[in-house]
């Protein structure tokens, strides 16, 4: 059975507030004259997405996600699975004697 990963992104109002602040700060930074030679124009979020907290929250909810490593990972599963490195709680198999 595969693990179910519920990241609960932006579930807490403080999470949304902090990410909203981070996006607005990022936009202010790229609009600084120091970046004029590097940034031709902002693609996303649009000015409309940035117009209000509600608009930005909607943009965040449509765009926030996760990224998983395609390499350097290990399989999760029971100790009886020879390919599994950790159990469903992240406890490493086969560490006796280390």
C-alpha atoms as a PDB file:
ATOM      1  CA  UNK A   1       0.000   0.000   0.000  1.00  0.00           C
ATOM      2  CA  UNK A   2       1.361   3.399  -0.996  1.00  0.00           C
ATOM      3  CA  UNK A   3       1.533   6.113   1.691  1.00  0.00           C
ATOM      4  CA  UNK A   4      -1.026   8.914   1.530  1.00  0.00           C
ATOM      5  CA  UNK A   5       0.708  12.297   1.743  1.00  0.00           C
ATOM      6  CA  UNK A   6      -1.529  15.129   2.892  1.00  0.00           C
ATOM      7  CA  UNK A   7       0.662  18.218   3.041  1.00  0.00           C
ATOM      8  CA  UNK A   8      -2.195  20.417   4.279  1.00  0.00           C
ATOM      9  CA  UNK A   9      -0.782  23.326   2.289  1.00  0.00           C
ATOM     10  CA  UNK A  10      -2.267  26.699   3.194  1.00  0.00           C
ATOM     11  CA  UNK A  11      -4.757  25.098   5.570  1.00  0.00           C
ATOM     12  CA  UNK A  12      -3.865  27.469   8.395  1.00  0.00           C
ATOM     13  CA  UNK A  13      -4.562  31.188   7.834  1.00  0.00           C
ATOM     14  CA  UNK A  14      -1.029  32.074   8.990  1.00  0.00           C
ATOM     15  CA  UNK A  15       0.417  29.905   6.190  1.00  0.00           C
ATOM     16  CA  UNK A  16      -1.591  31.810   3.591  1.00  0.00           C
ATOM     17  CA  UNK A  17      -0.613  35.158   5.107  1.00  0.00           C
ATOM     18  CA  UNK A  18       3.098  34.334   5.113  1.00  0.00           C
ATOM     19  CA  UNK A  19       3.074  33.006   1.552  1.00  0.00           C
ATOM     20  CA  UNK A  20       1.109  36.039   0.385  1.00  0.00           C
ATOM     21  CA  UNK A  21       3.793  38.258   1.982  1.00  0.00           C
ATOM     22  CA  UNK A  22       6.548  36.213   0.322  1.00  0.00           C
ATOM     23  CA  UNK A  23       5.012  36.567  -3.128  1.00  0.00           C
ATOM     24  CA  UNK A  24       4.524  40.305  -2.709  1.00  0.00           C
ATOM     25  CA  UNK A  25       8.104  40.711  -1.497  1.00  0.00           C
ATOM     26  CA  UNK A  26       9.389  38.695  -4.467  1.00  0.00           C
ATOM     27  CA  UNK A  27       7.436  40.880  -6.882  1.00  0.00           C
ATOM     28  CA  UNK A  28       8.803  44.053  -5.253  1.00  0.00           C
ATOM     29  CA  UNK A  29      12.336  42.676  -5.510  1.00  0.00           C
ATOM     30  CA  UNK A  30      12.150  41.836  -9.222  1.00  0.00           C
ATOM     31  CA  UNK A  31      10.628  45.259  -9.930  1.00  0.00           C
ATOM     32  CA  UNK A  32      13.670  46.964  -8.396  1.00  0.00           C
ATOM     33  CA  UNK A  33      15.917  48.782 -10.849  1.00  0.00           C
ATOM     34  CA  UNK A  34      18.761  46.389  -9.995  1.00  0.00           C
ATOM     35  CA  UNK A  35      16.889  43.660 -11.897  1.00  0.00           C
ATOM     36  CA  UNK A  36      15.778  45.662 -14.946  1.00  0.00           C
ATOM     37  CA  UNK A  37      18.463  44.074 -17.132  1.00  0.00           C
ATOM     38  CA  UNK A  38      17.488  40.566 -15.987  1.00  0.00           C
ATOM     39  CA  UNK A  39      13.689  40.642 -15.877  1.00  0.00           C
ATOM     40  CA  UNK A  40      11.846  41.753 -18.999  1.00  0.00           C
ATOM     41  CA  UNK A  41       8.386  41.378 -17.450  1.00  0.00           C
ATOM     42  CA  UNK A  42       6.584  39.377 -14.792  1.00  0.00           C
ATOM     43  CA  UNK A  43       4.537  36.526 -16.201  1.00  0.00           C
ATOM     44  CA  UNK A  44       2.822  35.283 -13.083  1.00  0.00           C
ATOM     45  CA  UNK A  45       1.179  36.238 -10.823  1.00  0.00           C
ATOM     46  CA  UNK A  46      -0.494  38.878 -12.959  1.00  0.00           C
ATOM     47  CA  UNK A  47      -1.387  42.355 -11.735  1.00  0.00           C
ATOM     48  CA  UNK A  48      -4.977  41.099 -11.492  1.00  0.00           C
ATOM     49  CA  UNK A  49      -3.806  38.193  -9.290  1.00  0.00           C
ATOM     50  CA  UNK A  50      -1.991  40.700  -7.070  1.00  0.00           C
ATOM     51  CA  UNK A  51      -4.914  43.165  -6.851  1.00  0.00           C
ATOM     52  CA  UNK A  52      -6.229  41.986  -3.471  1.00  0.00           C
ATOM     53  CA  UNK A  53      -5.625  39.423  -0.749  1.00  0.00           C
ATOM     54  CA  UNK A  54      -8.547  37.378  -2.061  1.00  0.00           C
ATOM     55  CA  UNK A  55      -7.242  37.427  -5.642  1.00  0.00           C
ATOM     56  CA  UNK A  56      -3.746  36.462  -4.509  1.00  0.00           C
ATOM     57  CA  UNK A  57      -5.113  33.716  -2.255  1.00  0.00           C
ATOM     58  CA  UNK A  58      -6.987  32.273  -5.236  1.00  0.00           C
ATOM     59  CA  UNK A  59      -3.799  32.372  -7.318  1.00  0.00           C
ATOM     60  CA  UNK A  60      -1.840  30.672  -4.527  1.00  0.00           C
ATOM     61  CA  UNK A  61      -4.423  27.916  -4.155  1.00  0.00           C
ATOM     62  CA  UNK A  62      -4.260  27.254  -7.913  1.00  0.00           C
ATOM     63  CA  UNK A  63      -0.458  27.243  -8.053  1.00  0.00           C
ATOM     64  CA  UNK A  64       1.018  25.912  -4.815  1.00  0.00           C
ATOM     65  CA  UNK A  65       2.274  22.345  -4.983  1.00  0.00           C
ATOM     66  CA  UNK A  66       5.168  20.151  -4.138  1.00  0.00           C
ATOM     67  CA  UNK A  67       8.107  18.739  -5.999  1.00  0.00           C
ATOM     68  CA  UNK A  68       9.560  15.309  -5.424  1.00  0.00           C
ATOM     69  CA  UNK A  69      13.129  14.266  -6.099  1.00  0.00           C
ATOM     70  CA  UNK A  70      13.401  11.863  -8.994  1.00  0.00           C
ATOM     71  CA  UNK A  71      16.709  10.616  -7.608  1.00  0.00           C
ATOM     72  CA  UNK A  72      18.260  10.146  -4.239  1.00  0.00           C
ATOM     73  CA  UNK A  73      15.094   8.780  -2.706  1.00  0.00           C
ATOM     74  CA  UNK A  74      14.368   5.454  -1.074  1.00  0.00           C
ATOM     75  CA  UNK A  75      11.368   3.151  -0.997  1.00  0.00           C
ATOM     76  CA  UNK A  76       9.003   3.142   1.971  1.00  0.00           C
ATOM     77  CA  UNK A  77       7.478  -0.205   2.962  1.00  0.00           C
ATOM     78  CA  UNK A  78       7.463  -3.104   5.402  1.00  0.00           C
ATOM     79  CA  UNK A  79      10.670  -4.794   6.538  1.00  0.00           C
ATOM     80  CA  UNK A  80       9.628  -7.864   4.521  1.00  0.00           C
ATOM     81  CA  UNK A  81      10.068  -5.854   1.305  1.00  0.00           C
ATOM     82  CA  UNK A  82      13.741  -6.181   0.292  1.00  0.00           C
ATOM     83  CA  UNK A  83      13.554  -2.884  -1.638  1.00  0.00           C
ATOM     84  CA  UNK A  84      12.092  -0.871   1.256  1.00  0.00           C
ATOM     85  CA  UNK A  85      14.545   1.221   3.242  1.00  0.00           C
ATOM     86  CA  UNK A  86      12.143   2.767   5.778  1.00  0.00           C
ATOM     87  CA  UNK A  87       8.768   1.826   7.265  1.00  0.00           C
ATOM     88  CA  UNK A  88       5.594   3.936   7.080  1.00  0.00           C
ATOM     89  CA  UNK A  89       6.849   6.034  10.028  1.00  0.00           C
ATOM     90  CA  UNK A  90      10.240   6.778   8.440  1.00  0.00           C
ATOM     91  CA  UNK A  91      12.098   4.353  10.705  1.00  0.00           C
ATOM     92  CA  UNK A  92      15.084   2.876   8.862  1.00  0.00           C
ATOM     93  CA  UNK A  93      15.152  -0.913   8.342  1.00  0.00           C
ATOM     94  CA  UNK A  94      18.333  -2.818   9.163  1.00  0.00           C
ATOM     95  CA  UNK A  95      20.196  -0.415  11.400  1.00  0.00           C
ATOM     96  CA  UNK A  96      21.044  -2.992  14.052  1.00  0.00           C
ATOM     97  CA  UNK A  97      24.709  -2.817  15.024  1.00  0.00           C
ATOM     98  CA  UNK A  98      25.358   0.622  13.567  1.00  0.00           C
END
